[in-house]
Amino acid sequence: MENNNQSPITEDMQKKMDELAEWSANYAKESGFNLNPDKTVVQRLMRGLLENEKKQGQKTCPCRRFTGNKEIDVKSVCPCYYHKDEIGKGGHCLCNLFVK
């Protein structure tokens, strides 16, 4: 039995995840890259972003450490400060939401 300490996805949460995924796909297209084609990865990341927003007040990237220092943490709000450089160098951002 899986115990990942996450609450079940409600209908409202799924709607927010879908809206955020759509926004992310549009952002990627406008920026010249793509949203990860793996829907499972995208859903996991959307959930993480929304949970971080609930806990921290911002959609900070789930793959980045939240420090509590606003000057540092603002760079981790999705799409993060680092994503374009990471995509250019490695073909994807650290969390794999955006890919070439």
N, C-alpha and C. Protein backbone atom coordinates (compact mmCIF):
# COMPACT_ATOMS: atom_id res chain seq x y z
N MET A 1 0.83 -1.18 0.00
CA MET A 1 0.00 0.00 0.00
C MET A 1 0.87 1.25 0.00
N GLU A 2 0.56 2.17 -0.90
CA GLU A 2 1.35 3.40 -1.04
C GLU A 2 0.98 4.40 0.04
N ASN A 3 2.00 4.97 0.70
CA ASN A 3 1.78 6.01 1.69
C ASN A 3 2.74 7.14 1.38
N ASN A 4 2.27 8.11 0.62
CA ASN A 4 3.14 9.22 0.24
C ASN A 4 2.80 10.50 0.98
N ASN A 5 1.99 10.38 2.05
CA ASN A 5 1.62 11.52 2.91
C ASN A 5 0.93 12.65 2.15
N GLN A 6 0.33 12.36 1.03
CA GLN A 6 -0.41 13.37 0.29
C GLN A 6 -1.90 13.06 0.39
N SER A 7 -2.67 14.12 0.52
CA SER A 7 -4.11 13.94 0.58
C SER A 7 -4.63 13.58 -0.82
N PRO A 8 -5.80 12.95 -0.86
CA PRO A 8 -6.38 12.60 -2.16
C PRO A 8 -6.62 13.85 -3.01
N ILE A 9 -6.60 13.66 -4.30
CA ILE A 9 -6.84 14.78 -5.21
C ILE A 9 -8.35 15.00 -5.32
N THR A 10 -8.78 16.16 -4.92
CA THR A 10 -10.19 16.51 -5.01
C THR A 10 -10.50 16.98 -6.43
N GLU A 11 -11.77 17.10 -6.72
CA GLU A 11 -12.19 17.59 -8.03
C GLU A 11 -11.67 19.02 -8.25
N ASP A 12 -11.74 19.84 -7.21
CA ASP A 12 -11.25 21.22 -7.30
C ASP A 12 -9.73 21.25 -7.55
N MET A 13 -9.00 20.40 -6.84
CA MET A 13 -7.55 20.33 -7.01
C MET A 13 -7.22 19.87 -8.43
N GLN A 14 -7.94 18.87 -8.95
CA GLN A 14 -7.68 18.39 -10.31
C GLN A 14 -7.93 19.50 -11.32
N LYS A 15 -8.99 20.27 -11.11
CA LYS A 15 -9.29 21.38 -12.02
C LYS A 15 -8.15 22.39 -12.00
N LYS A 16 -7.65 22.73 -10.82
CA LYS A 16 -6.52 23.67 -10.71
C LYS A 16 -5.27 23.11 -11.35
N MET A 17 -5.03 21.80 -11.18
CA MET A 17 -3.87 21.16 -11.80
C MET A 17 -3.97 21.22 -13.32
N ASP A 18 -5.17 20.94 -13.85
CA ASP A 18 -5.38 20.98 -15.29
C ASP A 18 -5.19 22.40 -15.84
N GLU A 19 -5.70 23.39 -15.13
CA GLU A 19 -5.54 24.78 -15.57
C GLU A 19 -4.08 25.20 -15.55
N LEU A 20 -3.36 24.80 -14.51
CA LEU A 20 -1.94 25.14 -14.42
C LEU A 20 -1.14 24.42 -15.50
N ALA A 21 -1.49 23.19 -15.80
CA ALA A 21 -0.81 22.44 -16.87
C ALA A 21 -1.05 23.11 -18.22
N GLU A 22 -2.27 23.57 -18.44
CA GLU A 22 -2.59 24.27 -19.69
C GLU A 22 -1.80 25.58 -19.79
N TRP A 23 -1.74 26.33 -18.71
CA TRP A 23 -0.96 27.57 -18.70
C TRP A 23 0.51 27.27 -18.98
N SER A 24 1.02 26.23 -18.34
CA SER A 24 2.44 25.85 -18.50
C SER A 24 2.73 25.44 -19.94
N ALA A 25 1.82 24.70 -20.56
CA ALA A 25 2.00 24.28 -21.96
C ALA A 25 2.01 25.50 -22.88
N ASN A 26 1.11 26.44 -22.64
CA ASN A 26 1.08 27.67 -23.45
C ASN A 26 2.35 28.49 -23.25
N TYR A 27 2.80 28.60 -22.00
CA TYR A 27 4.04 29.32 -21.71
C TYR A 27 5.21 28.67 -22.45
N ALA A 28 5.28 27.35 -22.38
CA ALA A 28 6.38 26.64 -23.05
C ALA A 28 6.36 26.90 -24.55
N LYS A 29 5.20 26.79 -25.15
CA LYS A 29 5.08 26.99 -26.60
C LYS A 29 5.52 28.41 -26.98
N GLU A 30 5.04 29.40 -26.23
CA GLU A 30 5.41 30.80 -26.51
C GLU A 30 6.91 31.04 -26.31
N SER A 31 7.54 30.24 -25.46
CA SER A 31 8.96 30.42 -25.14
C SER A 31 9.89 29.59 -26.00
N GLY A 32 9.33 28.76 -26.88
CA GLY A 32 10.16 27.99 -27.81
C GLY A 32 10.60 26.63 -27.30
N PHE A 33 9.97 26.13 -26.28
CA PHE A 33 10.25 24.77 -25.84
C PHE A 33 8.91 24.06 -25.59
N ASN A 34 8.93 22.92 -24.93
CA ASN A 34 7.73 22.10 -24.76
C ASN A 34 7.49 21.74 -23.31
N LEU A 35 6.26 21.40 -23.02
CA LEU A 35 5.93 20.79 -21.75
C LEU A 35 6.31 19.33 -21.84
N ASN A 36 6.78 18.75 -20.78
CA ASN A 36 7.14 17.34 -20.77
C ASN A 36 5.96 16.53 -21.29
N PRO A 37 6.18 15.64 -22.26
CA PRO A 37 5.08 14.85 -22.82
C PRO A 37 4.56 13.77 -21.87
N ASP A 38 5.30 13.49 -20.79
CA ASP A 38 4.87 12.47 -19.83
C ASP A 38 3.82 13.08 -18.89
N LYS A 39 2.58 12.75 -19.10
CA LYS A 39 1.46 13.31 -18.34
C LYS A 39 1.58 13.04 -16.84
N THR A 40 2.14 11.89 -16.47
CA THR A 40 2.31 11.55 -15.05
C THR A 40 3.28 12.51 -14.39
N VAL A 41 4.37 12.83 -15.06
CA VAL A 41 5.35 13.79 -14.54
C VAL A 41 4.71 15.16 -14.39
N VAL A 42 3.98 15.57 -15.41
CA VAL A 42 3.33 16.89 -15.38
C VAL A 42 2.32 16.97 -14.23
N GLN A 43 1.50 15.95 -14.07
CA GLN A 43 0.50 15.95 -12.99
C GLN A 43 1.18 15.99 -11.61
N ARG A 44 2.25 15.24 -11.44
CA ARG A 44 2.98 15.24 -10.17
C ARG A 44 3.54 16.63 -9.87
N LEU A 45 4.09 17.26 -10.90
CA LEU A 45 4.66 18.60 -10.71
C LEU A 45 3.59 19.66 -10.47
N MET A 46 2.45 19.54 -11.16
CA MET A 46 1.35 20.49 -10.94
C MET A 46 0.86 20.39 -9.49
N ARG A 47 0.74 19.18 -9.01
CA ARG A 47 0.31 18.98 -7.63
C ARG A 47 1.33 19.59 -6.66
N GLY A 48 2.59 19.36 -6.91
CA GLY A 48 3.64 19.92 -6.06
C GLY A 48 3.63 21.44 -6.06
N LEU A 49 3.43 22.03 -7.23
CA LEU A 49 3.37 23.50 -7.32
C LEU A 49 2.20 24.05 -6.52
N LEU A 50 1.05 23.41 -6.65
CA LEU A 50 -0.14 23.88 -5.93
C LEU A 50 -0.02 23.65 -4.43
N GLU A 51 0.60 22.55 -4.03
CA GLU A 51 0.81 22.31 -2.60
C GLU A 51 1.80 23.32 -2.03
N ASN A 52 2.82 23.65 -2.81
CA ASN A 52 3.77 24.67 -2.36
C ASN A 52 3.10 26.04 -2.25
N GLU A 53 2.21 26.33 -3.18
CA GLU A 53 1.48 27.60 -3.11
C GLU A 53 0.65 27.66 -1.82
N LYS A 54 0.04 26.55 -1.49
CA LYS A 54 -0.78 26.49 -0.28
C LYS A 54 0.08 26.68 0.98
N LYS A 55 1.26 26.04 1.01
CA LYS A 55 2.14 26.10 2.18
C LYS A 55 2.94 27.40 2.25
N GLN A 56 3.43 27.86 1.08
CA GLN A 56 4.40 28.95 1.06
C GLN A 56 3.88 30.24 0.46
N GLY A 57 2.69 30.18 -0.13
CA GLY A 57 2.10 31.38 -0.73
C GLY A 57 2.54 31.64 -2.15
N GLN A 58 3.41 30.76 -2.69
CA GLN A 58 3.89 30.91 -4.07
C GLN A 58 4.06 29.53 -4.68
N LYS A 59 3.93 29.47 -6.00
CA LYS A 59 4.12 28.20 -6.71
C LYS A 59 5.62 27.98 -6.90
N THR A 60 6.30 27.69 -5.80
CA THR A 60 7.73 27.42 -5.91
C THR A 60 7.94 26.02 -6.47
N CYS A 61 8.95 25.89 -7.27
CA CYS A 61 9.27 24.64 -7.94
C CYS A 61 9.50 23.54 -6.90
N PRO A 62 8.85 22.39 -7.06
CA PRO A 62 9.03 21.30 -6.11
C PRO A 62 10.45 20.72 -6.10
N CYS A 63 11.22 21.00 -7.12
CA CYS A 63 12.58 20.45 -7.18
C CYS A 63 13.62 21.37 -6.55
N ARG A 64 13.17 22.50 -6.06
CA ARG A 64 14.10 23.46 -5.44
C ARG A 64 13.81 23.56 -3.95
N ARG A 65 14.85 23.78 -3.18
CA ARG A 65 14.73 23.89 -1.73
C ARG A 65 14.13 25.23 -1.36
N PHE A 66 13.10 25.21 -0.55
CA PHE A 66 12.49 26.43 -0.03
C PHE A 66 13.30 26.86 1.18
N THR A 67 13.81 28.11 1.15
CA THR A 67 14.70 28.58 2.22
C THR A 67 14.00 29.46 3.24
N GLY A 68 12.89 30.08 2.86
CA GLY A 68 12.24 31.05 3.73
C GLY A 68 12.76 32.46 3.50
N ASN A 69 13.82 32.60 2.70
CA ASN A 69 14.39 33.90 2.35
C ASN A 69 13.73 34.35 1.05
N LYS A 70 12.90 35.39 1.12
CA LYS A 70 12.13 35.81 -0.05
C LYS A 70 13.00 36.17 -1.24
N GLU A 71 14.16 36.78 -1.01
CA GLU A 71 15.05 37.16 -2.12
C GLU A 71 15.58 35.94 -2.86
N ILE A 72 15.80 34.87 -2.15
CA ILE A 72 16.29 33.64 -2.77
C ILE A 72 15.12 32.85 -3.36
N ASP A 73 14.05 32.70 -2.58
CA ASP A 73 12.93 31.86 -2.99
C ASP A 73 12.18 32.39 -4.20
N VAL A 74 12.19 33.69 -4.43
CA VAL A 74 11.48 34.25 -5.59
C VAL A 74 12.05 33.68 -6.90
N LYS A 75 13.31 33.30 -6.89
CA LYS A 75 13.93 32.71 -8.09
C LYS A 75 13.43 31.29 -8.35
N SER A 76 12.75 30.69 -7.37
CA SER A 76 12.25 29.33 -7.51
C SER A 76 10.78 29.26 -7.87
N VAL A 77 10.13 30.42 -8.05
CA VAL A 77 8.72 30.43 -8.45
C VAL A 77 8.64 30.00 -9.91
N CYS A 78 7.79 29.03 -10.19
CA CYS A 78 7.66 28.48 -11.53
C CYS A 78 6.96 29.47 -12.46
N PRO A 79 7.47 29.67 -13.66
CA PRO A 79 8.72 29.13 -14.19
C PRO A 79 9.91 29.83 -13.54
N CYS A 80 10.80 29.03 -13.02
CA CYS A 80 11.89 29.56 -12.20
C CYS A 80 12.91 30.35 -13.01
N TYR A 81 13.69 31.09 -12.30
CA TYR A 81 14.74 31.93 -12.86
C TYR A 81 15.74 31.11 -13.69
N TYR A 82 15.93 29.86 -13.34
CA TYR A 82 16.99 29.02 -13.92
C TYR A 82 16.56 28.20 -15.14
N HIS A 83 15.26 28.10 -15.40
CA HIS A 83 14.78 27.10 -16.36
C HIS A 83 15.29 27.28 -17.78
N LYS A 84 15.38 28.50 -18.27
CA LYS A 84 15.82 28.68 -19.67
C LYS A 84 17.27 28.26 -19.85
N ASP A 85 18.11 28.60 -18.90
CA ASP A 85 19.52 28.21 -18.98
C ASP A 85 19.64 26.68 -18.89
N GLU A 86 18.87 26.06 -18.00
CA GLU A 86 18.92 24.61 -17.85
C GLU A 86 18.44 23.90 -19.12
N ILE A 87 17.38 24.42 -19.73
CA ILE A 87 16.87 23.82 -20.97
C ILE A 87 17.92 23.96 -22.07
N GLY A 88 18.54 25.12 -22.15
CA GLY A 88 19.57 25.35 -23.17
C GLY A 88 20.77 24.43 -23.00
N LYS A 89 21.17 24.19 -21.78
CA LYS A 89 22.35 23.37 -21.52
C LYS A 89 22.07 21.87 -21.49
N GLY A 90 20.92 21.48 -20.90
CA GLY A 90 20.67 20.06 -20.70
C GLY A 90 19.46 19.50 -21.40
N GLY A 91 18.71 20.37 -22.08
CA GLY A 91 17.53 19.88 -22.80
C GLY A 91 16.26 19.86 -21.97
N HIS A 92 16.37 20.16 -20.68
CA HIS A 92 15.20 20.21 -19.80
C HIS A 92 15.55 21.00 -18.55
N CYS A 93 14.51 21.49 -17.88
CA CYS A 93 14.76 22.17 -16.61
C CYS A 93 14.95 21.10 -15.53
N LEU A 94 15.39 21.53 -14.38
CA LEU A 94 15.75 20.60 -13.30
C LEU A 94 14.61 19.64 -12.96
N CYS A 95 13.38 20.13 -12.89
CA CYS A 95 12.26 19.26 -12.51
C CYS A 95 11.67 18.51 -13.70
N ASN A 96 12.12 18.77 -14.89
CA ASN A 96 11.64 18.12 -16.11
C ASN A 96 10.25 18.55 -16.54
N LEU A 97 9.78 19.71 -16.08
CA LEU A 97 8.50 20.21 -16.54
C LEU A 97 8.62 20.71 -17.97
N PHE A 98 9.69 21.44 -18.23
CA PHE A 98 9.91 22.01 -19.57
C PHE A 98 11.08 21.29 -20.23
N VAL A 99 10.90 20.97 -21.51
CA VAL A 99 11.91 20.25 -22.28
C VAL A 99 12.06 20.90 -23.66
N LYS A 100 13.20 20.60 -24.32
CA LYS A 100 13.42 21.11 -25.68
C LYS A 100 12.45 20.49 -26.64
